[in-house]
Amino acid sequence: MPGGGAPVTAQGAPRRKKVLLVDDSDTVLLLQRMLLAELGHDAIVARDGLEALARAEQERPDLVFLDVLMPHLDGLETCRLLRDREPTRRTPIILCSARAEARSVRACFNSGCNDFVAKPFDGAALVALLRRYLD
């Protein structure tokens, strides 16, 4: 886009982007949804990897924010599967985990994510990260 910035609608307003939030914690999802609302974007929620794959196929999100430790299908395998599917092959994926030691972070990047953020979240850092991918 000339001059940079977010895409705009025909009316000239910035286009609201869709973010797929995947976490089995209601508290984490609430925090993420509040931050997205403040930034003017829409949240799509999934509580595990299997639901995330289905929602990503249906909704075609602009960004996926994915927890590593979840029931049914963990975040690493979910990330790999999203990368293998054409609709989400190039969609930015941010993995998050309370396990932030080098080996765990390396496993996240090896699964195909674009970025990693450690839990508990630092609010300002999380907002900056979301803006980097959504603006």
Foldseek 3Di string as FASTA:
>chain_A
DPPDDADADPVGHHDAFEEEEEAQDPVVVVLVQVLSVVVPHHYDYDHALVRSVVCCVVPLGQEYEAEQDGPPDGRLVSLLVLCVDDSRVPRAYEYEEQPDPPVVLVSNVVSPHPYYDYPPHDVVVVSVVVVVSRD
